């Protein structure tokens, strides 16, 4: 909610075992 209050672009939760998204992409 905190992020959505400020950013109005696309926001998606990645339901994956890969969680270090900033490192893998």
PDBML (XML) file of the C-alpha atoms, coordinates in Angstrom:
<?xml version="1.0" encoding="UTF-8" ?>
<PDBx:datablock datablockName="MODEL"
   xmlns:PDBx="http://pdbml.pdb.org/schema/pdbx-v50.xsd"
   xmlns:xsi="http://www.w3.org/2001/XMLSchema-instance"
   xsi:schemaLocation="http://pdbml.pdb.org/schema/pdbx-v50.xsd pdbx-v50.xsd">
   <PDBx:atom_siteCategory>
      <PDBx:atom_site id="1">
         <PDBx:B_iso_or_equiv>0.00</PDBx:B_iso_or_equiv>
         <PDBx:Cartn_x>0.000</PDBx:Cartn_x>
         <PDBx:Cartn_y>0.000</PDBx:Cartn_y>
         <PDBx:Cartn_z>0.000</PDBx:Cartn_z>
         <PDBx:auth_asym_id>A</PDBx:auth_asym_id>
         <PDBx:auth_atom_id>CA</PDBx:auth_atom_id>
         <PDBx:auth_comp_id>UNK</PDBx:auth_comp_id>
         <PDBx:auth_seq_id>1</PDBx:auth_seq_id>
         <PDBx:group_PDB>ATOM</PDBx:group_PDB>
         <PDBx:label_alt_id xsi:nil="true" />
         <PDBx:label_asym_id>A</PDBx:label_asym_id>
         <PDBx:label_atom_id>CA</PDBx:label_atom_id>
         <PDBx:label_comp_id>UNK</PDBx:label_comp_id>
         <PDBx:label_entity_id>1</PDBx:label_entity_id>
         <PDBx:label_seq_id>1</PDBx:label_seq_id>
         <PDBx:occupancy>1.00</PDBx:occupancy>
         <PDBx:pdbx_PDB_model_num>1</PDBx:pdbx_PDB_model_num>
         <PDBx:type_symbol>C</PDBx:type_symbol>
      </PDBx:atom_site>
      <PDBx:atom_site id="2">
         <PDBx:B_iso_or_equiv>0.00</PDBx:B_iso_or_equiv>
         <PDBx:Cartn_x>2.819</PDBx:Cartn_x>
         <PDBx:Cartn_y>2.397</PDBx:Cartn_y>
         <PDBx:Cartn_z>0.840</PDBx:Cartn_z>
         <PDBx:auth_asym_id>A</PDBx:auth_asym_id>
         <PDBx:auth_atom_id>CA</PDBx:auth_atom_id>
         <PDBx:auth_comp_id>UNK</PDBx:auth_comp_id>
         <PDBx:auth_seq_id>2</PDBx:auth_seq_id>
         <PDBx:group_PDB>ATOM</PDBx:group_PDB>
         <PDBx:label_alt_id xsi:nil="true" />
         <PDBx:label_asym_id>A</PDBx:label_asym_id>
         <PDBx:label_atom_id>CA</PDBx:label_atom_id>
         <PDBx:label_comp_id>UNK</PDBx:label_comp_id>
         <PDBx:label_entity_id>1</PDBx:label_entity_id>
         <PDBx:label_seq_id>2</PDBx:label_seq_id>
         <PDBx:occupancy>1.00</PDBx:occupancy>
         <PDBx:pdbx_PDB_model_num>1</PDBx:pdbx_PDB_model_num>
         <PDBx:type_symbol>C</PDBx:type_symbol>
      </PDBx:atom_site>
      <PDBx:atom_site id="3">
         <PDBx:B_iso_or_equiv>0.00</PDBx:B_iso_or_equiv>
         <PDBx:Cartn_x>4.362</PDBx:Cartn_x>
         <PDBx:Cartn_y>1.943</PDBx:Cartn_y>
         <PDBx:Cartn_z>-2.613</PDBx:Cartn_z>
         <PDBx:auth_asym_id>A</PDBx:auth_asym_id>
         <PDBx:auth_atom_id>CA</PDBx:auth_atom_id>
         <PDBx:auth_comp_id>UNK</PDBx:auth_comp_id>
         <PDBx:auth_seq_id>3</PDBx:auth_seq_id>
         <PDBx:group_PDB>ATOM</PDBx:group_PDB>
         <PDBx:label_alt_id xsi:nil="true" />
         <PDBx:label_asym_id>A</PDBx:label_asym_id>
         <PDBx:label_atom_id>CA</PDBx:label_atom_id>
         <PDBx:label_comp_id>UNK</PDBx:label_comp_id>
         <PDBx:label_entity_id>1</PDBx:label_entity_id>
         <PDBx:label_seq_id>3</PDBx:label_seq_id>
         <PDBx:occupancy>1.00</PDBx:occupancy>
         <PDBx:pdbx_PDB_model_num>1</PDBx:pdbx_PDB_model_num>
         <PDBx:type_symbol>C</PDBx:type_symbol>
      </PDBx:atom_site>
      <PDBx:atom_site id="4">
         <PDBx:B_iso_or_equiv>0.00</PDBx:B_iso_or_equiv>
         <PDBx:Cartn_x>1.023</PDBx:Cartn_x>
         <PDBx:Cartn_y>2.131</PDBx:Cartn_y>
         <PDBx:Cartn_z>-4.430</PDBx:Cartn_z>
         <PDBx:auth_asym_id>A</PDBx:auth_asym_id>
         <PDBx:auth_atom_id>CA</PDBx:auth_atom_id>
         <PDBx:auth_comp_id>UNK</PDBx:auth_comp_id>
         <PDBx:auth_seq_id>4</PDBx:auth_seq_id>
         <PDBx:group_PDB>ATOM</PDBx:group_PDB>
         <PDBx:label_alt_id xsi:nil="true" />
         <PDBx:label_asym_id>A</PDBx:label_asym_id>
         <PDBx:label_atom_id>CA</PDBx:label_atom_id>
         <PDBx:label_comp_id>UNK</PDBx:label_comp_id>
         <PDBx:label_entity_id>1</PDBx:label_entity_id>
         <PDBx:label_seq_id>4</PDBx:label_seq_id>
         <PDBx:occupancy>1.00</PDBx:occupancy>
         <PDBx:pdbx_PDB_model_num>1</PDBx:pdbx_PDB_model_num>
         <PDBx:type_symbol>C</PDBx:type_symbol>
      </PDBx:atom_site>
      <PDBx:atom_site id="5">
         <PDBx:B_iso_or_equiv>0.00</PDBx:B_iso_or_equiv>
         <PDBx:Cartn_x>0.214</PDBx:Cartn_x>
         <PDBx:Cartn_y>5.419</PDBx:Cartn_y>
         <PDBx:Cartn_z>-2.725</PDBx:Cartn_z>
         <PDBx:auth_asym_id>A</PDBx:auth_asym_id>
         <PDBx:auth_atom_id>CA</PDBx:auth_atom_id>
         <PDBx:auth_comp_id>UNK</PDBx:auth_comp_id>
         <PDBx:auth_seq_id>5</PDBx:auth_seq_id>
         <PDBx:group_PDB>ATOM</PDBx:group_PDB>
         <PDBx:label_alt_id xsi:nil="true" />
         <PDBx:label_asym_id>A</PDBx:label_asym_id>
         <PDBx:label_atom_id>CA</PDBx:label_atom_id>
         <PDBx:label_comp_id>UNK</PDBx:label_comp_id>
         <PDBx:label_entity_id>1</PDBx:label_entity_id>
         <PDBx:label_seq_id>5</PDBx:label_seq_id>
         <PDBx:occupancy>1.00</PDBx:occupancy>
         <PDBx:pdbx_PDB_model_num>1</PDBx:pdbx_PDB_model_num>
         <PDBx:type_symbol>C</PDBx:type_symbol>
      </PDBx:atom_site>
      <PDBx:atom_site id="6">
         <PDBx:B_iso_or_equiv>0.00</PDBx:B_iso_or_equiv>
         <PDBx:Cartn_x>3.150</PDBx:Cartn_x>
         <PDBx:Cartn_y>7.056</PDBx:Cartn_y>
         <PDBx:Cartn_z>-4.506</PDBx:Cartn_z>
         <PDBx:auth_asym_id>A</PDBx:auth_asym_id>
         <PDBx:auth_atom_id>CA</PDBx:auth_atom_id>
         <PDBx:auth_comp_id>UNK</PDBx:auth_comp_id>
         <PDBx:auth_seq_id>6</PDBx:auth_seq_id>
         <PDBx:group_PDB>ATOM</PDBx:group_PDB>
         <PDBx:label_alt_id xsi:nil="true" />
         <PDBx:label_asym_id>A</PDBx:label_asym_id>
         <PDBx:label_atom_id>CA</PDBx:label_atom_id>
         <PDBx:label_comp_id>UNK</PDBx:label_comp_id>
         <PDBx:label_entity_id>1</PDBx:label_entity_id>
         <PDBx:label_seq_id>6</PDBx:label_seq_id>
         <PDBx:occupancy>1.00</PDBx:occupancy>
         <PDBx:pdbx_PDB_model_num>1</PDBx:pdbx_PDB_model_num>
         <PDBx:type_symbol>C</PDBx:type_symbol>
      </PDBx:atom_site>
      <PDBx:atom_site id="7">
         <PDBx:B_iso_or_equiv>0.00</PDBx:B_iso_or_equiv>
         <PDBx:Cartn_x>3.717</PDBx:Cartn_x>
         <PDBx:Cartn_y>5.081</PDBx:Cartn_y>
         <PDBx:Cartn_z>-7.724</PDBx:Cartn_z>
         <PDBx:auth_asym_id>A</PDBx:auth_asym_id>
         <PDBx:auth_atom_id>CA</PDBx:auth_atom_id>
         <PDBx:auth_comp_id>UNK</PDBx:auth_comp_id>
         <PDBx:auth_seq_id>7</PDBx:auth_seq_id>
         <PDBx:group_PDB>ATOM</PDBx:group_PDB>
         <PDBx:label_alt_id xsi:nil="true" />
         <PDBx:label_asym_id>A</PDBx:label_asym_id>
         <PDBx:label_atom_id>CA</PDBx:label_atom_id>
         <PDBx:label_comp_id>UNK</PDBx:label_comp_id>
         <PDBx:label_entity_id>1</PDBx:label_entity_id>
         <PDBx:label_seq_id>7</PDBx:label_seq_id>
         <PDBx:occupancy>1.00</PDBx:occupancy>
         <PDBx:pdbx_PDB_model_num>1</PDBx:pdbx_PDB_model_num>
         <PDBx:type_symbol>C</PDBx:type_symbol>
      </PDBx:atom_site>
      <PDBx:atom_site id="8">
         <PDBx:B_iso_or_equiv>0.00</PDBx:B_iso_or_equiv>
         <PDBx:Cartn_x>0.842</PDBx:Cartn_x>
         <PDBx:Cartn_y>4.912</PDBx:Cartn_y>
         <PDBx:Cartn_z>-10.211</PDBx:Cartn_z>
         <PDBx:auth_asym_id>A</PDBx:auth_asym_id>
         <PDBx:auth_atom_id>CA</PDBx:auth_atom_id>
         <PDBx:auth_comp_id>UNK</PDBx:auth_comp_id>
         <PDBx:auth_seq_id>8</PDBx:auth_seq_id>
         <PDBx:group_PDB>ATOM</PDBx:group_PDB>
         <PDBx:label_alt_id xsi:nil="true" />
         <PDBx:label_asym_id>A</PDBx:label_asym_id>
         <PDBx:label_atom_id>CA</PDBx:label_atom_id>
         <PDBx:label_comp_id>UNK</PDBx:label_comp_id>
         <PDBx:label_entity_id>1</PDBx:label_entity_id>
         <PDBx:label_seq_id>8</PDBx:label_seq_id>
         <PDBx:occupancy>1.00</PDBx:occupancy>
         <PDBx:pdbx_PDB_model_num>1</PDBx:pdbx_PDB_model_num>
         <PDBx:type_symbol>C</PDBx:type_symbol>
      </PDBx:atom_site>
      <PDBx:atom_site id="9">
         <PDBx:B_iso_or_equiv>0.00</PDBx:B_iso_or_equiv>
         <PDBx:Cartn_x>2.578</PDBx:Cartn_x>
         <PDBx:Cartn_y>2.681</PDBx:Cartn_y>
         <PDBx:Cartn_z>-12.776</PDBx:Cartn_z>
         <PDBx:auth_asym_id>A</PDBx:auth_asym_id>
         <PDBx:auth_atom_id>CA</PDBx:auth_atom_id>
         <PDBx:auth_comp_id>UNK</PDBx:auth_comp_id>
         <PDBx:auth_seq_id>9</PDBx:auth_seq_id>
         <PDBx:group_PDB>ATOM</PDBx:group_PDB>
         <PDBx:label_alt_id xsi:nil="true" />
         <PDBx:label_asym_id>A</PDBx:label_asym_id>
         <PDBx:label_atom_id>CA</PDBx:label_atom_id>
         <PDBx:label_comp_id>UNK</PDBx:label_comp_id>
         <PDBx:label_entity_id>1</PDBx:label_entity_id>
         <PDBx:label_seq_id>9</PDBx:label_seq_id>
         <PDBx:occupancy>1.00</PDBx:occupancy>
         <PDBx:pdbx_PDB_model_num>1</PDBx:pdbx_PDB_model_num>
         <PDBx:type_symbol>C</PDBx:type_symbol>
      </PDBx:atom_site>
      <PDBx:atom_site id="10">
         <PDBx:B_iso_or_equiv>0.00</PDBx:B_iso_or_equiv>
         <PDBx:Cartn_x>2.242</PDBx:Cartn_x>
         <PDBx:Cartn_y>-1.083</PDBx:Cartn_y>
         <PDBx:Cartn_z>-13.067</PDBx:Cartn_z>
         <PDBx:auth_asym_id>A</PDBx:auth_asym_id>
         <PDBx:auth_atom_id>CA</PDBx:auth_atom_id>
         <PDBx:auth_comp_id>UNK</PDBx:auth_comp_id>
         <PDBx:auth_seq_id>10</PDBx:auth_seq_id>
         <PDBx:group_PDB>ATOM</PDBx:group_PDB>
         <PDBx:label_alt_id xsi:nil="true" />
         <PDBx:label_asym_id>A</PDBx:label_asym_id>
         <PDBx:label_atom_id>CA</PDBx:label_atom_id>
         <PDBx:label_comp_id>UNK</PDBx:label_comp_id>
         <PDBx:label_entity_id>1</PDBx:label_entity_id>
         <PDBx:label_seq_id>10</PDBx:label_seq_id>
         <PDBx:occupancy>1.00</PDBx:occupancy>
         <PDBx:pdbx_PDB_model_num>1</PDBx:pdbx_PDB_model_num>
         <PDBx:type_symbol>C</PDBx:type_symbol>
      </PDBx:atom_site>
      <PDBx:atom_site id="11">
         <PDBx:B_iso_or_equiv>0.00</PDBx:B_iso_or_equiv>
         <PDBx:Cartn_x>2.940</PDBx:Cartn_x>
         <PDBx:Cartn_y>-2.941</PDBx:Cartn_y>
         <PDBx:Cartn_z>-9.822</PDBx:Cartn_z>
         <PDBx:auth_asym_id>A</PDBx:auth_asym_id>
         <PDBx:auth_atom_id>CA</PDBx:auth_atom_id>
         <PDBx:auth_comp_id>UNK</PDBx:auth_comp_id>
         <PDBx:auth_seq_id>11</PDBx:auth_seq_id>
         <PDBx:group_PDB>ATOM</PDBx:group_PDB>
         <PDBx:label_alt_id xsi:nil="true" />
         <PDBx:label_asym_id>A</PDBx:label_asym_id>
         <PDBx:label_atom_id>CA</PDBx:label_atom_id>
         <PDBx:label_comp_id>UNK</PDBx:label_comp_id>
         <PDBx:label_entity_id>1</PDBx:label_entity_id>
         <PDBx:label_seq_id>11</PDBx:label_seq_id>
         <PDBx:occupancy>1.00</PDBx:occupancy>
         <PDBx:pdbx_PDB_model_num>1</PDBx:pdbx_PDB_model_num>
         <PDBx:type_symbol>C</PDBx:type_symbol>
      </PDBx:atom_site>
      <PDBx:atom_site id="12">
         <PDBx:B_iso_or_equiv>0.00</PDBx:B_iso_or_equiv>
         <PDBx:Cartn_x>3.003</PDBx:Cartn_x>
         <PDBx:Cartn_y>-6.727</PDBx:Cartn_y>
         <PDBx:Cartn_z>-9.648</PDBx:Cartn_z>
         <PDBx:auth_asym_id>A</PDBx:auth_asym_id>
         <PDBx:auth_atom_id>CA</PDBx:auth_atom_id>
         <PDBx:auth_comp_id>UNK</PDBx:auth_comp_id>
         <PDBx:auth_seq_id>12</PDBx:auth_seq_id>
         <PDBx:group_PDB>ATOM</PDBx:group_PDB>
         <PDBx:label_alt_id xsi:nil="true" />
         <PDBx:label_asym_id>A</PDBx:label_asym_id>
         <PDBx:label_atom_id>CA</PDBx:label_atom_id>
         <PDBx:label_comp_id>UNK</PDBx:label_comp_id>
         <PDBx:label_entity_id>1</PDBx:label_entity_id>
         <PDBx:label_seq_id>12</PDBx:label_seq_id>
         <PDBx:occupancy>1.00</PDBx:occupancy>
         <PDBx:pdbx_PDB_model_num>1</PDBx:pdbx_PDB_model_num>
         <PDBx:type_symbol>C</PDBx:type_symbol>
      </PDBx:atom_site>
      <PDBx:atom_site id="13">
         <PDBx:B_iso_or_equiv>0.00</PDBx:B_iso_or_equiv>
         <PDBx:Cartn_x>3.902</PDBx:Cartn_x>
         <PDBx:Cartn_y>-9.277</PDBx:Cartn_y>
         <PDBx:Cartn_z>-7.006</PDBx:Cartn_z>
         <PDBx:auth_asym_id>A</PDBx:auth_asym_id>
         <PDBx:auth_atom_id>CA</PDBx:auth_atom_id>
         <PDBx:auth_comp_id>UNK</PDBx:auth_comp_id>
         <PDBx:auth_seq_id>13</PDBx:auth_seq_id>
         <PDBx:group_PDB>ATOM</PDBx:group_PDB>
         <PDBx:label_alt_id xsi:nil="true" />
         <PDBx:label_asym_id>A</PDBx:label_asym_id>
         <PDBx:label_atom_id>CA</PDBx:label_atom_id>
         <PDBx:label_comp_id>UNK</PDBx:label_comp_id>
         <PDBx:label_entity_id>1</PDBx:label_entity_id>
         <PDBx:label_seq_id>13</PDBx:label_seq_id>
         <PDBx:occupancy>1.00</PDBx:occupancy>
         <PDBx:pdbx_PDB_model_num>1</PDBx:pdbx_PDB_model_num>
         <PDBx:type_symbol>C</PDBx:type_symbol>
      </PDBx:atom_site>
      <PDBx:atom_site id="14">
         <PDBx:B_iso_or_equiv>0.00</PDBx:B_iso_or_equiv>
         <PDBx:Cartn_x>6.026</PDBx:Cartn_x>
         <PDBx:Cartn_y>-12.068</PDBx:Cartn_y>
         <PDBx:Cartn_z>-8.487</PDBx:Cartn_z>
         <PDBx:auth_asym_id>A</PDBx:auth_asym_id>
         <PDBx:auth_atom_id>CA</PDBx:auth_atom_id>
         <PDBx:auth_comp_id>UNK</PDBx:auth_comp_id>
         <PDBx:auth_seq_id>14</PDBx:auth_seq_id>
         <PDBx:group_PDB>ATOM</PDBx:group_PDB>
         <PDBx:label_alt_id xsi:nil="true" />
         <PDBx:label_asym_id>A</PDBx:label_asym_id>
         <PDBx:label_atom_id>CA</PDBx:label_atom_id>
         <PDBx:label_comp_id>UNK</PDBx:label_comp_id>
         <PDBx:label_entity_id>1</PDBx:label_entity_id>
         <PDBx:label_seq_id>14</PDBx:label_seq_id>
         <PDBx:occupancy>1.00</PDBx:occupancy>
         <PDBx:pdbx_PDB_model_num>1</PDBx:pdbx_PDB_model_num>
         <PDBx:type_symbol>C</PDBx:type_symbol>
      </PDBx:atom_site>
      <PDBx:atom_site id="15">
         <PDBx:B_iso_or_equiv>0.00</PDBx:B_iso_or_equiv>
         <PDBx:Cartn_x>4.750</PDBx:Cartn_x>
         <PDBx:Cartn_y>-15.337</PDBx:Cartn_y>
         <PDBx:Cartn_z>-7.058</PDBx:Cartn_z>
         <PDBx:auth_asym_id>A</PDBx:auth_asym_id>
         <PDBx:auth_atom_id>CA</PDBx:auth_atom_id>
         <PDBx:auth_comp_id>UNK</PDBx:auth_comp_id>
         <PDBx:auth_seq_id>15</PDBx:auth_seq_id>
         <PDBx:group_PDB>ATOM</PDBx:group_PDB>
         <PDBx:label_alt_id xsi:nil="true" />
         <PDBx:label_asym_id>A</PDBx:label_asym_id>
         <PDBx:label_atom_id>CA</PDBx:label_atom_id>
         <PDBx:label_comp_id>UNK</PDBx:label_comp_id>
         <PDBx:label_entity_id>1</PDBx:label_entity_id>
         <PDBx:label_seq_id>15</PDBx:label_seq_id>
         <PDBx:occupancy>1.00</PDBx:occupancy>
         <PDBx:pdbx_PDB_model_num>1</PDBx:pdbx_PDB_model_num>
         <PDBx:type_symbol>C</PDBx:type_symbol>
      </PDBx:atom_site>
      <PDBx:atom_site id="16">
         <PDBx:B_iso_or_equiv>0.00</PDBx:B_iso_or_equiv>
         <PDBx:Cartn_x>7.973</PDBx:Cartn_x>
         <PDBx:Cartn_y>-17.215</PDBx:Cartn_y>
         <PDBx:Cartn_z>-7.653</PDBx:Cartn_z>
         <PDBx:auth_asym_id>A</PDBx:auth_asym_id>
         <PDBx:auth_atom_id>CA</PDBx:auth_atom_id>
         <PDBx:auth_comp_id>UNK</PDBx:auth_comp_id>
         <PDBx:auth_seq_id>16</PDBx:auth_seq_id>
         <PDBx:group_PDB>ATOM</PDBx:group_PDB>
         <PDBx:label_alt_id xsi:nil="true" />
         <PDBx:label_asym_id>A</PDBx:label_asym_id>
         <PDBx:label_atom_id>CA</PDBx:label_atom_id>
         <PDBx:label_comp_id>UNK</PDBx:label_comp_id>
         <PDBx:label_entity_id>1</PDBx:label_entity_id>
         <PDBx:label_seq_id>16</PDBx:label_seq_id>
         <PDBx:occupancy>1.00</PDBx:occupancy>
         <PDBx:pdbx_PDB_model_num>1</PDBx:pdbx_PDB_model_num>
         <PDBx:type_symbol>C</PDBx:type_symbol>
      </PDBx:atom_site>
      <PDBx:atom_site id="17">
         <PDBx:B_iso_or_equiv>0.00</PDBx:B_iso_or_equiv>
         <PDBx:Cartn_x>10.724</PDBx:Cartn_x>
         <PDBx:Cartn_y>-18.915</PDBx:Cartn_y>
         <PDBx:Cartn_z>-5.694</PDBx:Cartn_z>
         <PDBx:auth_asym_id>A</PDBx:auth_asym_id>
         <PDBx:auth_atom_id>CA</PDBx:auth_atom_id>
         <PDBx:auth_comp_id>UNK</PDBx:auth_comp_id>
         <PDBx:auth_seq_id>17</PDBx:auth_seq_id>
         <PDBx:group_PDB>ATOM</PDBx:group_PDB>
         <PDBx:label_alt_id xsi:nil="true" />
         <PDBx:label_asym_id>A</PDBx:label_asym_id>
         <PDBx:label_atom_id>CA</PDBx:label_atom_id>
         <PDBx:label_comp_id>UNK</PDBx:label_comp_id>
         <PDBx:label_entity_id>1</PDBx:label_entity_id>
         <PDBx:label_seq_id>17</PDBx:label_seq_id>
         <PDBx:occupancy>1.00</PDBx:occupancy>
         <PDBx:pdbx_PDB_model_num>1</PDBx:pdbx_PDB_model_num>
         <PDBx:type_symbol>C</PDBx:type_symbol>
      </PDBx:atom_site>
      <PDBx:atom_site id="18">
         <PDBx:B_iso_or_equiv>0.00</PDBx:B_iso_or_equiv>
         <PDBx:Cartn_x>13.019</PDBx:Cartn_x>
         <PDBx:Cartn_y>-16.268</PDBx:Cartn_y>
         <PDBx:Cartn_z>-7.167</PDBx:Cartn_z>
         <PDBx:auth_asym_id>A</PDBx:auth_asym_id>
         <PDBx:auth_atom_id>CA</PDBx:auth_atom_id>
         <PDBx:auth_comp_id>UNK</PDBx:auth_comp_id>
         <PDBx:auth_seq_id>18</PDBx:auth_seq_id>
         <PDBx:group_PDB>ATOM</PDBx:group_PDB>
         <PDBx:label_alt_id xsi:nil="true" />
         <PDBx:label_asym_id>A</PDBx:label_asym_id>
         <PDBx:label_atom_id>CA</PDBx:label_atom_id>
         <PDBx:label_comp_id>UNK</PDBx:label_comp_id>
         <PDBx:label_entity_id>1</PDBx:label_entity_id>
         <PDBx:label_seq_id>18</PDBx:label_seq_id>
         <PDBx:occupancy>1.00</PDBx:occupancy>
         <PDBx:pdbx_PDB_model_num>1</PDBx:pdbx_PDB_model_num>
         <PDBx:type_symbol>C</PDBx:type_symbol>
      </PDBx:atom_site>
      <PDBx:atom_site id="19">
         <PDBx:B_iso_or_equiv>0.00</PDBx:B_iso_or_equiv>
         <PDBx:Cartn_x>12.838</PDBx:Cartn_x>
         <PDBx:Cartn_y>-13.337</PDBx:Cartn_y>
         <PDBx:Cartn_z>-4.775</PDBx:Cartn_z>
         <PDBx:auth_asym_id>A</PDBx:auth_asym_id>
         <PDBx:auth_atom_id>CA</PDBx:auth_atom_id>
         <PDBx:auth_comp_id>UNK</PDBx:auth_comp_id>
         <PDBx:auth_seq_id>19</PDBx:auth_seq_id>
         <PDBx:group_PDB>ATOM</PDBx:group_PDB>
         <PDBx:label_alt_id xsi:nil="true" />
         <PDBx:label_asym_id>A</PDBx:label_asym_id>
         <PDBx:label_atom_id>CA</PDBx:label_atom_id>
         <PDBx:label_comp_id>UNK</PDBx:label_comp_id>
         <PDBx:label_entity_id>1</PDBx:label_entity_id>
         <PDBx:label_seq_id>19</PDBx:label_seq_id>
         <PDBx:occupancy>1.00</PDBx:occupancy>
         <PDBx:pdbx_PDB_model_num>1</PDBx:pdbx_PDB_model_num>
         <PDBx:type_symbol>C</PDBx:type_symbol>
      </PDBx:atom_site>
      <PDBx:atom_site id="20">
         <PDBx:B_iso_or_equiv>0.00</PDBx:B_iso_or_equiv>
         <PDBx:Cartn_x>16.127</PDBx:Cartn_x>
         <PDBx:Cartn_y>-11.430</PDBx:Cartn_y>
         <PDBx:Cartn_z>-5.255</PDBx:Cartn_z>
         <PDBx:auth_asym_id>A</PDBx:auth_asym_id>
         <PDBx:auth_atom_id>CA</PDBx:auth_atom_id>
         <PDBx:auth_comp_id>UNK</PDBx:auth_comp_id>
         <PDBx:auth_seq_id>20</PDBx:auth_seq_id>
         <PDBx:group_PDB>ATOM</PDBx:group_PDB>
         <PDBx:label_alt_id xsi:nil="true" />
         <PDBx:label_asym_id>A</PDBx:label_asym_id>
         <PDBx:label_atom_id>CA</PDBx:label_atom_id>
         <PDBx:label_comp_id>UNK</PDBx:label_comp_id>
         <PDBx:label_entity_id>1</PDBx:label_entity_id>
         <PDBx:label_seq_id>20</PDBx:label_seq_id>
         <PDBx:occupancy>1.00</PDBx:occupancy>
         <PDBx:pdbx_PDB_model_num>1</PDBx:pdbx_PDB_model_num>
         <PDBx:type_symbol>C</PDBx:type_symbol>
      </PDBx:atom_site>
      <PDBx:atom_site id="21">
         <PDBx:B_iso_or_equiv>0.00</PDBx:B_iso_or_equiv>
         <PDBx:Cartn_x>14.569</PDBx:Cartn_x>
         <PDBx:Cartn_y>-9.671</PDBx:Cartn_y>
         <PDBx:Cartn_z>-8.239</PDBx:Cartn_z>
         <PDBx:auth_asym_id>A</PDBx:auth_asym_id>
         <PDBx:auth_atom_id>CA</PDBx:auth_atom_id>
         <PDBx:auth_comp_id>UNK</PDBx:auth_comp_id>
         <PDBx:auth_seq_id>21</PDBx:auth_seq_id>
         <PDBx:group_PDB>ATOM</PDBx:group_PDB>
         <PDBx:label_alt_id xsi:nil="true" />
         <PDBx:label_asym_id>A</PDBx:label_asym_id>
         <PDBx:label_atom_id>CA</PDBx:label_atom_id>
         <PDBx:label_comp_id>UNK</PDBx:label_comp_id>
         <PDBx:label_entity_id>1</PDBx:label_entity_id>
         <PDBx:label_seq_id>21</PDBx:label_seq_id>
         <PDBx:occupancy>1.00</PDBx:occupancy>
         <PDBx:pdbx_PDB_model_num>1</PDBx:pdbx_PDB_model_num>
         <PDBx:type_symbol>C</PDBx:type_symbol>
      </PDBx:atom_site>
      <PDBx:atom_site id="22">
         <PDBx:B_iso_or_equiv>0.00</PDBx:B_iso_or_equiv>
         <PDBx:Cartn_x>17.012</PDBx:Cartn_x>
         <PDBx:Cartn_y>-6.774</PDBx:Cartn_y>
         <PDBx:Cartn_z>-8.209</PDBx:Cartn_z>
         <PDBx:auth_asym_id>A</PDBx:auth_asym_id>
         <PDBx:auth_atom_id>CA</PDBx:auth_atom_id>
         <PDBx:auth_comp_id>UNK</PDBx:auth_comp_id>
         <PDBx:auth_seq_id>22</PDBx:auth_seq_id>
         <PDBx:group_PDB>ATOM</PDBx:group_PDB>
         <PDBx:label_alt_id xsi:nil="true" />
         <PDBx:label_asym_id>A</PDBx:label_asym_id>
         <PDBx:label_atom_id>CA</PDBx:label_atom_id>
         <PDBx:label_comp_id>UNK</PDBx:label_comp_id>
         <PDBx:label_entity_id>1</PDBx:label_entity_id>
         <PDBx:label_seq_id>22</PDBx:label_seq_id>
         <PDBx:occupancy>1.00</PDBx:occupancy>
         <PDBx:pdbx_PDB_model_num>1</PDBx:pdbx_PDB_model_num>
         <PDBx:type_symbol>C</PDBx:type_symbol>
      </PDBx:atom_site>
      <PDBx:atom_site id="23">
         <PDBx:B_iso_or_equiv>0.00</PDBx:B_iso_or_equiv>
         <PDBx:Cartn_x>19.930</PDBx:Cartn_x>
         <PDBx:Cartn_y>-9.173</PDBx:Cartn_y>
         <PDBx:Cartn_z>-8.611</PDBx:Cartn_z>
         <PDBx:auth_asym_id>A</PDBx:auth_asym_id>
         <PDBx:auth_atom_id>CA</PDBx:auth_atom_id>
         <PDBx:auth_comp_id>UNK</PDBx:auth_comp_id>
         <PDBx:auth_seq_id>23</PDBx:auth_seq_id>
         <PDBx:group_PDB>ATOM</PDBx:group_PDB>
         <PDBx:label_alt_id xsi:nil="true" />
         <PDBx:label_asym_id>A</PDBx:label_asym_id>
         <PDBx:label_atom_id>CA</PDBx:label_atom_id>
         <PDBx:label_comp_id>UNK</PDBx:label_comp_id>
         <PDBx:label_entity_id>1</PDBx:label_entity_id>
         <PDBx:label_seq_id>23</PDBx:label_seq_id>
         <PDBx:occupancy>1.00</PDBx:occupancy>
         <PDBx:pdbx_PDB_model_num>1</PDBx:pdbx_PDB_model_num>
         <PDBx:type_symbol>C</PDBx:type_symbol>
      </PDBx:atom_site>
      <PDBx:atom_site id="24">
         <PDBx:B_iso_or_equiv>0.00</PDBx:B_iso_or_equiv>
         <PDBx:Cartn_x>18.495</PDBx:Cartn_x>
         <PDBx:Cartn_y>-11.466</PDBx:Cartn_y>
         <PDBx:Cartn_z>-11.275</PDBx:Cartn_z>
         <PDBx:auth_asym_id>A</PDBx:auth_asym_id>
         <PDBx:auth_atom_id>CA</PDBx:auth_atom_id>
         <PDBx:auth_comp_id>UNK</PDBx:auth_comp_id>
         <PDBx:auth_seq_id>24</PDBx:auth_seq_id>
         <PDBx:group_PDB>ATOM</PDBx:group_PDB>
         <PDBx:label_alt_id xsi:nil="true" />
         <PDBx:label_asym_id>A</PDBx:label_asym_id>
         <PDBx:label_atom_id>CA</PDBx:label_atom_id>
         <PDBx:label_comp_id>UNK</PDBx:label_comp_id>
         <PDBx:label_entity_id>1</PDBx:label_entity_id>
         <PDBx:label_seq_id>24</PDBx:label_seq_id>
         <PDBx:occupancy>1.00</PDBx:occupancy>
         <PDBx:pdbx_PDB_model_num>1</PDBx:pdbx_PDB_model_num>
         <PDBx:type_symbol>C</PDBx:type_symbol>
      </PDBx:atom_site>
      <PDBx:atom_site id="25">
         <PDBx:B_iso_or_equiv>0.00</PDBx:B_iso_or_equiv>
         <PDBx:Cartn_x>17.108</PDBx:Cartn_x>
         <PDBx:Cartn_y>-8.815</PDBx:Cartn_y>
         <PDBx:Cartn_z>-13.625</PDBx:Cartn_z>
         <PDBx:auth_asym_id>A</PDBx:auth_asym_id>
         <PDBx:auth_atom_id>CA</PDBx:auth_atom_id>
         <PDBx:auth_comp_id>UNK</PDBx:auth_comp_id>
         <PDBx:auth_seq_id>25</PDBx:auth_seq_id>
         <PDBx:group_PDB>ATOM</PDBx:group_PDB>
         <PDBx:label_alt_id xsi:nil="true" />
         <PDBx:label_asym_id>A</PDBx:label_asym_id>
         <PDBx:label_atom_id>CA</PDBx:label_atom_id>
         <PDBx:label_comp_id>UNK</PDBx:label_comp_id>
         <PDBx:label_entity_id>1</PDBx:label_entity_id>
         <PDBx:label_seq_id>25</PDBx:label_seq_id>
         <PDBx:occupancy>1.00</PDBx:occupancy>
         <PDBx:pdbx_PDB_model_num>1</PDBx:pdbx_PDB_model_num>
         <PDBx:type_symbol>C</PDBx:type_symbol>
      </PDBx:atom_site>
   </PDBx:atom_siteCategory>
</PDBx:datablock>
